[in-house]
N, C-alpha and C. Protein backbone atom coordinates (compact mmCIF):
# COMPACT_ATOMS: atom_id res chain seq x y z
N MET A 1 125.44 -13.25 -40.09
CA MET A 1 126.31 -12.16 -39.71
C MET A 1 127.49 -12.76 -38.95
N ALA A 2 128.67 -12.39 -39.33
CA ALA A 2 129.89 -12.92 -38.72
C ALA A 2 130.19 -12.18 -37.42
N CYS A 3 130.85 -12.87 -36.51
CA CYS A 3 131.27 -12.25 -35.23
C CYS A 3 132.39 -11.26 -35.51
N ARG A 4 132.28 -10.13 -34.87
CA ARG A 4 133.34 -9.13 -35.03
C ARG A 4 134.43 -9.38 -33.99
N GLN A 5 135.61 -9.34 -34.39
CA GLN A 5 136.75 -9.52 -33.50
C GLN A 5 137.14 -8.16 -32.93
N PRO A 6 137.58 -8.11 -31.65
CA PRO A 6 138.01 -6.83 -31.09
C PRO A 6 139.20 -6.28 -31.86
N THR A 7 139.21 -4.97 -32.00
CA THR A 7 140.28 -4.33 -32.76
C THR A 7 141.42 -3.85 -31.86
N THR A 8 141.21 -3.90 -30.53
CA THR A 8 142.27 -3.48 -29.61
C THR A 8 142.69 -4.67 -28.78
N ALA A 9 143.93 -4.66 -28.42
CA ALA A 9 144.46 -5.74 -27.59
C ALA A 9 143.94 -5.59 -26.16
N PRO A 10 143.73 -6.69 -25.46
CA PRO A 10 143.28 -6.60 -24.07
C PRO A 10 144.33 -5.86 -23.22
N ALA A 11 143.83 -5.19 -22.19
CA ALA A 11 144.74 -4.45 -21.30
C ALA A 11 145.68 -5.41 -20.59
N ALA A 12 146.92 -4.99 -20.48
CA ALA A 12 147.91 -5.81 -19.79
C ALA A 12 147.60 -5.82 -18.29
N VAL A 13 147.81 -6.96 -17.68
CA VAL A 13 147.63 -7.10 -16.24
C VAL A 13 148.83 -6.45 -15.56
N PRO A 14 148.58 -5.47 -14.65
CA PRO A 14 149.72 -4.83 -14.01
C PRO A 14 150.50 -5.82 -13.15
N SER A 15 151.79 -5.68 -13.18
CA SER A 15 152.63 -6.58 -12.38
C SER A 15 152.63 -6.10 -10.93
N ALA A 16 152.89 -7.02 -10.04
CA ALA A 16 152.95 -6.68 -8.61
C ALA A 16 154.14 -5.75 -8.37
N PRO A 17 153.98 -4.81 -7.45
CA PRO A 17 155.10 -3.91 -7.17
C PRO A 17 156.30 -4.69 -6.63
N THR A 18 157.45 -4.21 -6.97
CA THR A 18 158.67 -4.83 -6.48
C THR A 18 158.78 -4.58 -4.98
N PRO A 19 158.94 -5.64 -4.19
CA PRO A 19 159.06 -5.43 -2.75
C PRO A 19 160.25 -4.53 -2.42
N VAL A 20 160.06 -3.69 -1.42
CA VAL A 20 161.13 -2.79 -0.99
C VAL A 20 161.98 -3.48 0.07
N ASP A 21 163.14 -2.95 0.29
CA ASP A 21 164.00 -3.43 1.37
C ASP A 21 163.36 -2.99 2.68
N ALA A 22 162.90 -3.92 3.48
CA ALA A 22 162.17 -3.62 4.71
C ALA A 22 163.08 -3.04 5.81
N ALA A 23 164.35 -3.35 5.77
CA ALA A 23 165.26 -2.93 6.86
C ALA A 23 165.29 -1.42 7.06
N PRO A 24 165.45 -0.60 6.02
CA PRO A 24 165.47 0.85 6.24
C PRO A 24 164.13 1.39 6.76
N VAL A 25 163.02 0.80 6.31
CA VAL A 25 161.70 1.24 6.79
C VAL A 25 161.55 0.88 8.27
N ALA A 26 161.93 -0.34 8.63
CA ALA A 26 161.86 -0.75 10.03
C ALA A 26 162.76 0.12 10.90
N ALA A 27 163.93 0.48 10.40
CA ALA A 27 164.84 1.35 11.16
C ALA A 27 164.22 2.74 11.35
N GLN A 28 163.53 3.26 10.32
CA GLN A 28 162.87 4.56 10.42
C GLN A 28 161.77 4.52 11.48
N VAL A 29 161.00 3.43 11.52
CA VAL A 29 159.93 3.28 12.51
C VAL A 29 160.51 3.16 13.91
N LYS A 30 161.55 2.34 14.08
CA LYS A 30 162.17 2.20 15.40
C LYS A 30 162.76 3.53 15.87
N ALA A 31 163.32 4.29 14.96
CA ALA A 31 163.85 5.61 15.32
C ALA A 31 162.73 6.54 15.78
N ALA A 32 161.58 6.45 15.12
CA ALA A 32 160.43 7.28 15.51
C ALA A 32 159.95 6.91 16.92
N ILE A 33 159.87 5.62 17.20
CA ILE A 33 159.46 5.18 18.55
C ILE A 33 160.47 5.66 19.58
N LYS A 34 161.76 5.57 19.27
CA LYS A 34 162.79 6.07 20.19
C LYS A 34 162.63 7.57 20.40
N THR A 35 162.33 8.31 19.35
CA THR A 35 162.09 9.75 19.47
C THR A 35 160.97 10.00 20.47
N GLN A 36 159.90 9.23 20.35
CA GLN A 36 158.77 9.44 21.27
C GLN A 36 159.14 9.07 22.70
N LEU A 37 159.85 7.97 22.90
CA LEU A 37 160.26 7.57 24.25
C LEU A 37 161.18 8.62 24.87
N ASP A 38 162.14 9.10 24.08
CA ASP A 38 163.05 10.15 24.58
C ASP A 38 162.28 11.43 24.91
N ALA A 39 161.29 11.75 24.09
CA ALA A 39 160.49 12.95 24.32
C ALA A 39 159.66 12.82 25.60
N TYR A 40 159.13 11.64 25.86
CA TYR A 40 158.40 11.44 27.11
C TYR A 40 159.34 11.62 28.31
N ALA A 41 160.54 11.07 28.21
CA ALA A 41 161.50 11.22 29.30
C ALA A 41 161.87 12.68 29.53
N ALA A 42 161.92 13.47 28.45
CA ALA A 42 162.28 14.88 28.54
C ALA A 42 161.06 15.79 28.75
N ARG A 43 159.86 15.18 28.76
CA ARG A 43 158.60 15.95 28.90
C ARG A 43 158.45 16.97 27.77
N ASP A 44 158.74 16.53 26.55
CA ASP A 44 158.71 17.40 25.37
C ASP A 44 157.55 16.99 24.46
N VAL A 45 156.41 17.66 24.62
CA VAL A 45 155.20 17.32 23.87
C VAL A 45 155.42 17.47 22.37
N ALA A 46 156.01 18.56 21.94
CA ALA A 46 156.20 18.80 20.50
C ALA A 46 157.05 17.71 19.87
N LYS A 47 158.11 17.31 20.56
CA LYS A 47 158.97 16.26 20.02
C LYS A 47 158.24 14.92 19.98
N ALA A 48 157.47 14.62 21.03
CA ALA A 48 156.70 13.37 21.06
C ALA A 48 155.68 13.33 19.94
N ALA A 49 155.07 14.47 19.67
CA ALA A 49 154.04 14.55 18.63
C ALA A 49 154.63 14.61 17.22
N SER A 50 155.92 14.82 17.11
CA SER A 50 156.54 14.95 15.79
C SER A 50 156.45 13.67 14.97
N ILE A 51 156.21 12.54 15.61
CA ILE A 51 156.10 11.28 14.88
C ILE A 51 154.66 10.98 14.45
N LEU A 52 153.70 11.81 14.88
CA LEU A 52 152.29 11.55 14.60
C LEU A 52 151.85 12.09 13.25
N ALA A 53 151.00 11.33 12.56
CA ALA A 53 150.32 11.83 11.38
C ALA A 53 149.25 12.81 11.84
N ASP A 54 148.90 13.77 11.00
CA ASP A 54 147.88 14.74 11.37
C ASP A 54 146.55 14.09 11.70
N ASP A 55 146.23 12.98 11.01
CA ASP A 55 144.95 12.30 11.23
C ASP A 55 145.08 11.07 12.14
N THR A 56 146.08 11.08 13.00
CA THR A 56 146.32 9.95 13.89
C THR A 56 145.08 9.64 14.74
N ILE A 57 144.92 8.38 15.06
CA ILE A 57 143.89 7.95 16.01
C ILE A 57 144.58 7.08 17.04
N ARG A 58 144.38 7.43 18.32
CA ARG A 58 145.01 6.68 19.41
C ARG A 58 143.91 5.94 20.17
N HIS A 59 144.13 4.65 20.40
CA HIS A 59 143.17 3.79 21.08
C HIS A 59 143.77 3.35 22.42
N PHE A 60 143.12 3.71 23.50
CA PHE A 60 143.57 3.31 24.83
C PHE A 60 142.47 2.51 25.51
N HIS A 61 142.86 1.46 26.21
CA HIS A 61 141.90 0.60 26.90
C HIS A 61 140.99 1.42 27.82
N GLY A 62 139.69 1.17 27.73
CA GLY A 62 138.74 1.80 28.63
C GLY A 62 138.51 3.28 28.42
N ALA A 63 138.93 3.83 27.29
CA ALA A 63 138.80 5.27 27.06
C ALA A 63 138.34 5.51 25.62
N PRO A 64 137.70 6.66 25.39
CA PRO A 64 137.32 6.99 24.01
C PRO A 64 138.56 7.19 23.14
N ASN A 65 138.41 6.99 21.85
CA ASN A 65 139.52 7.22 20.92
C ASN A 65 139.95 8.69 20.97
N VAL A 66 141.25 8.89 20.80
CA VAL A 66 141.81 10.24 20.69
C VAL A 66 142.04 10.46 19.21
N VAL A 67 141.32 11.43 18.62
CA VAL A 67 141.33 11.61 17.17
C VAL A 67 142.04 12.91 16.81
N GLY A 68 143.08 12.80 16.00
CA GLY A 68 143.81 13.95 15.50
C GLY A 68 145.02 14.31 16.34
N LYS A 69 145.97 14.93 15.67
CA LYS A 69 147.24 15.29 16.31
C LYS A 69 147.05 16.28 17.45
N ALA A 70 146.17 17.27 17.28
CA ALA A 70 145.95 18.27 18.34
C ALA A 70 145.41 17.62 19.61
N ALA A 71 144.45 16.72 19.47
CA ALA A 71 143.90 16.03 20.63
C ALA A 71 144.95 15.13 21.28
N ALA A 72 145.77 14.48 20.46
CA ALA A 72 146.84 13.64 20.99
C ALA A 72 147.84 14.47 21.80
N MET A 73 148.17 15.65 21.28
CA MET A 73 149.11 16.54 21.98
C MET A 73 148.54 17.01 23.31
N ALA A 74 147.24 17.28 23.36
CA ALA A 74 146.62 17.70 24.62
C ALA A 74 146.72 16.58 25.65
N GLY A 75 146.50 15.34 25.22
CA GLY A 75 146.64 14.20 26.13
C GLY A 75 148.07 14.00 26.59
N MET A 76 149.02 14.17 25.67
CA MET A 76 150.43 14.04 26.03
C MET A 76 150.83 15.10 27.05
N LYS A 77 150.34 16.32 26.85
CA LYS A 77 150.66 17.41 27.77
C LYS A 77 150.18 17.07 29.18
N GLU A 78 148.98 16.52 29.27
CA GLU A 78 148.44 16.12 30.57
C GLU A 78 149.30 15.02 31.19
N GLN A 79 149.65 14.01 30.38
CA GLN A 79 150.49 12.92 30.88
C GLN A 79 151.84 13.43 31.36
N MET A 80 152.44 14.31 30.58
CA MET A 80 153.79 14.78 30.88
C MET A 80 153.86 15.73 32.07
N ALA A 81 152.71 16.20 32.53
CA ALA A 81 152.68 17.03 33.74
C ALA A 81 152.82 16.19 35.00
N ASP A 82 152.69 14.89 34.87
CA ASP A 82 152.78 13.97 36.01
C ASP A 82 154.25 13.72 36.35
N PRO A 83 154.70 14.08 37.56
CA PRO A 83 156.11 13.86 37.91
C PRO A 83 156.51 12.39 37.98
N ALA A 84 155.53 11.49 38.12
CA ALA A 84 155.84 10.06 38.21
C ALA A 84 155.96 9.40 36.83
N LEU A 85 155.68 10.14 35.77
CA LEU A 85 155.63 9.57 34.43
C LEU A 85 156.93 8.88 34.02
N LYS A 86 156.78 7.65 33.55
CA LYS A 86 157.87 6.90 32.92
C LYS A 86 157.24 6.02 31.87
N LEU A 87 157.88 5.92 30.72
CA LEU A 87 157.43 5.06 29.64
C LEU A 87 158.62 4.27 29.13
N ALA A 88 158.47 2.97 29.09
CA ALA A 88 159.55 2.10 28.61
C ALA A 88 158.96 1.00 27.74
N VAL A 89 159.73 0.51 26.78
CA VAL A 89 159.31 -0.61 25.95
C VAL A 89 160.42 -1.66 25.90
N ILE A 90 159.98 -2.91 25.74
CA ILE A 90 160.91 -4.02 25.51
C ILE A 90 160.31 -4.91 24.44
N GLY A 91 161.16 -5.71 23.82
CA GLY A 91 160.71 -6.69 22.85
C GLY A 91 160.10 -6.10 21.60
N GLU A 92 160.63 -4.98 21.16
CA GLU A 92 160.07 -4.30 19.99
C GLU A 92 160.34 -5.09 18.72
N SER A 93 159.30 -5.20 17.88
CA SER A 93 159.46 -5.80 16.56
C SER A 93 158.68 -4.96 15.56
N VAL A 94 159.16 -4.95 14.32
CA VAL A 94 158.53 -4.16 13.28
C VAL A 94 158.30 -5.05 12.06
N GLY A 95 157.06 -5.03 11.58
CA GLY A 95 156.71 -5.69 10.33
C GLY A 95 156.45 -4.63 9.28
N VAL A 96 156.97 -4.83 8.08
CA VAL A 96 156.84 -3.84 7.02
C VAL A 96 156.08 -4.45 5.85
N ALA A 97 155.10 -3.69 5.32
CA ALA A 97 154.35 -4.14 4.15
C ALA A 97 155.29 -4.24 2.95
N ALA A 98 154.97 -5.14 2.02
CA ALA A 98 155.84 -5.38 0.86
C ALA A 98 156.12 -4.10 0.07
N ALA A 99 155.14 -3.20 -0.01
CA ALA A 99 155.32 -1.96 -0.76
C ALA A 99 156.09 -0.91 0.04
N GLY A 100 156.28 -1.15 1.33
CA GLY A 100 157.03 -0.22 2.17
C GLY A 100 156.23 1.01 2.59
N ASP A 101 154.93 1.00 2.33
CA ASP A 101 154.11 2.17 2.64
C ASP A 101 153.43 2.09 4.01
N MET A 102 153.58 0.96 4.67
CA MET A 102 152.97 0.77 5.98
C MET A 102 153.87 -0.16 6.80
N ALA A 103 153.89 0.09 8.12
CA ALA A 103 154.65 -0.76 9.02
C ALA A 103 153.92 -0.83 10.35
N VAL A 104 154.07 -1.95 11.03
CA VAL A 104 153.46 -2.15 12.35
C VAL A 104 154.57 -2.44 13.35
N ASP A 105 154.62 -1.60 14.38
CA ASP A 105 155.58 -1.76 15.47
C ASP A 105 154.83 -2.36 16.65
N HIS A 106 155.36 -3.41 17.24
CA HIS A 106 154.75 -4.03 18.42
C HIS A 106 155.81 -4.13 19.50
N ALA A 107 155.41 -3.81 20.72
CA ALA A 107 156.31 -3.93 21.86
C ALA A 107 155.49 -4.15 23.12
N THR A 108 156.16 -4.58 24.15
CA THR A 108 155.58 -4.60 25.49
C THR A 108 155.96 -3.29 26.14
N TYR A 109 154.97 -2.59 26.69
CA TYR A 109 155.25 -1.30 27.32
C TYR A 109 155.01 -1.38 28.82
N THR A 110 155.69 -0.51 29.54
CA THR A 110 155.40 -0.26 30.95
C THR A 110 155.25 1.25 31.09
N PHE A 111 154.11 1.66 31.64
CA PHE A 111 153.78 3.08 31.80
C PHE A 111 153.54 3.32 33.28
N THR A 112 154.31 4.23 33.85
CA THR A 112 154.18 4.58 35.27
C THR A 112 153.60 5.98 35.35
N SER A 113 152.59 6.12 36.21
CA SER A 113 151.94 7.42 36.38
C SER A 113 151.28 7.48 37.75
N THR A 114 150.74 8.65 38.07
CA THR A 114 150.05 8.84 39.33
C THR A 114 148.56 8.57 39.14
N ASN A 115 148.01 7.74 39.99
CA ASN A 115 146.58 7.46 39.97
C ASN A 115 145.85 8.71 40.42
N PRO A 116 144.93 9.25 39.60
CA PRO A 116 144.27 10.50 39.96
C PRO A 116 143.35 10.38 41.18
N VAL A 117 142.90 9.18 41.49
CA VAL A 117 142.01 8.98 42.64
C VAL A 117 142.81 8.79 43.92
N THR A 118 143.78 7.87 43.90
CA THR A 118 144.53 7.55 45.12
C THR A 118 145.74 8.45 45.34
N LYS A 119 146.16 9.15 44.27
CA LYS A 119 147.34 10.03 44.31
C LYS A 119 148.63 9.25 44.58
N THR A 120 148.61 7.95 44.29
CA THR A 120 149.82 7.13 44.44
C THR A 120 150.32 6.73 43.06
N SER A 121 151.61 6.48 42.98
CA SER A 121 152.23 6.09 41.72
C SER A 121 152.01 4.60 41.49
N GLY A 122 151.78 4.24 40.23
CA GLY A 122 151.62 2.84 39.87
C GLY A 122 152.00 2.64 38.42
N SER A 123 152.19 1.39 38.07
CA SER A 123 152.60 1.05 36.71
C SER A 123 151.62 0.09 36.08
N GLU A 124 151.52 0.18 34.77
CA GLU A 124 150.76 -0.80 34.00
C GLU A 124 151.67 -1.34 32.91
N THR A 125 151.43 -2.57 32.52
CA THR A 125 152.20 -3.21 31.46
C THR A 125 151.23 -3.82 30.47
N GLY A 126 151.59 -3.77 29.20
CA GLY A 126 150.70 -4.34 28.19
C GLY A 126 151.31 -4.32 26.80
N ASN A 127 150.44 -4.46 25.82
CA ASN A 127 150.82 -4.47 24.41
C ASN A 127 150.67 -3.09 23.81
N TRP A 128 151.68 -2.67 23.08
CA TRP A 128 151.63 -1.41 22.34
C TRP A 128 151.78 -1.77 20.87
N VAL A 129 150.78 -1.44 20.08
CA VAL A 129 150.81 -1.68 18.65
C VAL A 129 150.69 -0.32 17.95
N ALA A 130 151.68 0.01 17.16
CA ALA A 130 151.73 1.31 16.48
C ALA A 130 151.79 1.07 14.98
N VAL A 131 150.82 1.63 14.26
CA VAL A 131 150.75 1.47 12.81
C VAL A 131 151.26 2.76 12.16
N PHE A 132 152.29 2.63 11.36
CA PHE A 132 152.89 3.77 10.65
C PHE A 132 152.49 3.70 9.18
N ARG A 133 152.24 4.89 8.60
CA ARG A 133 151.93 4.99 7.17
C ARG A 133 152.85 6.00 6.52
N ARG A 134 153.22 5.69 5.29
CA ARG A 134 154.05 6.60 4.52
C ARG A 134 153.24 7.85 4.17
N GLN A 135 153.84 9.02 4.40
CA GLN A 135 153.19 10.30 4.13
C GLN A 135 153.62 10.83 2.76
N ALA A 136 152.94 11.86 2.28
CA ALA A 136 153.24 12.43 0.97
C ALA A 136 154.69 12.90 0.87
N ASP A 137 155.29 13.32 2.00
CA ASP A 137 156.68 13.79 1.98
C ASP A 137 157.69 12.65 2.06
N GLY A 138 157.19 11.39 2.10
CA GLY A 138 158.07 10.22 2.16
C GLY A 138 158.35 9.72 3.56
N SER A 139 158.00 10.48 4.58
CA SER A 139 158.26 10.05 5.96
C SER A 139 157.23 9.03 6.41
N MET A 140 157.58 8.27 7.43
CA MET A 140 156.65 7.34 8.06
C MET A 140 156.14 8.00 9.33
N LYS A 141 154.82 8.11 9.47
CA LYS A 141 154.22 8.75 10.64
C LYS A 141 153.25 7.78 11.31
N LEU A 142 153.12 7.95 12.62
CA LEU A 142 152.23 7.11 13.42
C LEU A 142 150.79 7.46 13.08
N SER A 143 150.07 6.49 12.52
CA SER A 143 148.71 6.69 12.07
C SER A 143 147.70 6.14 13.07
N ARG A 144 147.97 4.96 13.60
CA ARG A 144 147.10 4.32 14.60
C ARG A 144 147.97 3.82 15.73
N ASP A 145 147.52 4.09 16.94
CA ASP A 145 148.28 3.78 18.15
C ASP A 145 147.34 3.03 19.10
N MET A 146 147.65 1.78 19.41
CA MET A 146 146.79 0.98 20.27
C MET A 146 147.55 0.51 21.50
N VAL A 147 146.99 0.80 22.66
CA VAL A 147 147.62 0.46 23.93
C VAL A 147 146.64 -0.41 24.71
N LEU A 148 147.05 -1.64 25.04
CA LEU A 148 146.18 -2.58 25.74
C LEU A 148 146.88 -3.12 26.98
N GLU A 149 146.43 -2.67 28.14
CA GLU A 149 147.02 -3.11 29.40
C GLU A 149 146.63 -4.57 29.66
N TRP A 150 147.60 -5.38 30.08
CA TRP A 150 147.33 -6.79 30.32
C TRP A 150 146.34 -7.00 31.46
N CYS A 151 146.51 -6.30 32.58
CA CYS A 151 145.60 -6.48 33.71
C CYS A 151 144.19 -6.09 33.35
N TRP A 152 144.02 -5.01 32.59
CA TRP A 152 142.69 -4.58 32.20
C TRP A 152 142.03 -5.64 31.33
N ILE A 153 142.80 -6.24 30.44
CA ILE A 153 142.27 -7.29 29.58
C ILE A 153 141.84 -8.47 30.43
N ARG A 154 142.66 -8.88 31.40
CA ARG A 154 142.29 -10.00 32.27
C ARG A 154 141.05 -9.68 33.09
N ARG A 155 140.96 -8.45 33.61
CA ARG A 155 139.77 -8.07 34.39
C ARG A 155 138.52 -8.13 33.52
N ARG A 156 138.59 -7.59 32.31
CA ARG A 156 137.43 -7.60 31.42
C ARG A 156 137.06 -9.03 31.06
N HIS A 157 138.04 -9.87 30.82
CA HIS A 157 137.76 -11.25 30.46
C HIS A 157 137.10 -11.97 31.64
N SER A 158 137.61 -11.78 32.84
CA SER A 158 137.05 -12.46 34.01
C SER A 158 135.64 -11.97 34.30
N VAL A 159 135.36 -10.72 34.04
CA VAL A 159 134.01 -10.19 34.26
C VAL A 159 133.03 -10.87 33.31
N ARG A 160 133.42 -11.06 32.08
CA ARG A 160 132.54 -11.65 31.09
C ARG A 160 132.34 -13.15 31.31
N THR A 161 133.31 -13.84 31.87
CA THR A 161 133.21 -15.29 31.96
C THR A 161 132.83 -15.79 33.33
N SER A 162 132.83 -14.94 34.35
CA SER A 162 132.52 -15.41 35.69
C SER A 162 131.38 -14.58 36.28
N PRO A 163 130.23 -15.22 36.53
CA PRO A 163 129.11 -14.46 37.07
C PRO A 163 129.33 -14.02 38.52
N THR A 164 130.35 -14.56 39.21
CA THR A 164 130.56 -14.20 40.61
C THR A 164 131.44 -12.97 40.79
N ILE A 165 132.02 -12.46 39.70
CA ILE A 165 132.90 -11.29 39.79
C ILE A 165 132.15 -10.07 39.26
N ALA A 166 132.02 -9.07 40.08
CA ALA A 166 131.32 -7.84 39.65
C ALA A 166 132.29 -6.96 38.86
N PRO A 167 131.76 -6.23 37.88
CA PRO A 167 132.65 -5.34 37.11
C PRO A 167 133.17 -4.19 37.94
């Protein structure tokens, strides 16, 4: 019995998507971060939340994840009620995926607020990493938000590596 040859041609291998121009995507992400910073300065929860995806997840050092836009807005409202509130960023950079459907914004942040225990104003500084994803309407929205205070990281590291320091 002879071998039968396939009667259909093999499927073509899809070509890689053409990379998009990253500059407009990065500009859109930077504009969104500026919108949020301006909204914090104006104590405008709705404007600050306008950059969030509905399924956003916010990660803050030492705290449970904040899941969803409604929960994020509740947290923002609480933060914005603090008269000492200030939020600033420096050294912002944006990396854009080749397809243009995702971007990562990184900056150093300084957040000033009132300590709920001591009732005194203080500031923290750390890394802010914001992951944006392209939405069905074509906009880029904040999907994952990670805030890591430098002092908190050093304290946690020293606790783990030094038996003489209590947590």
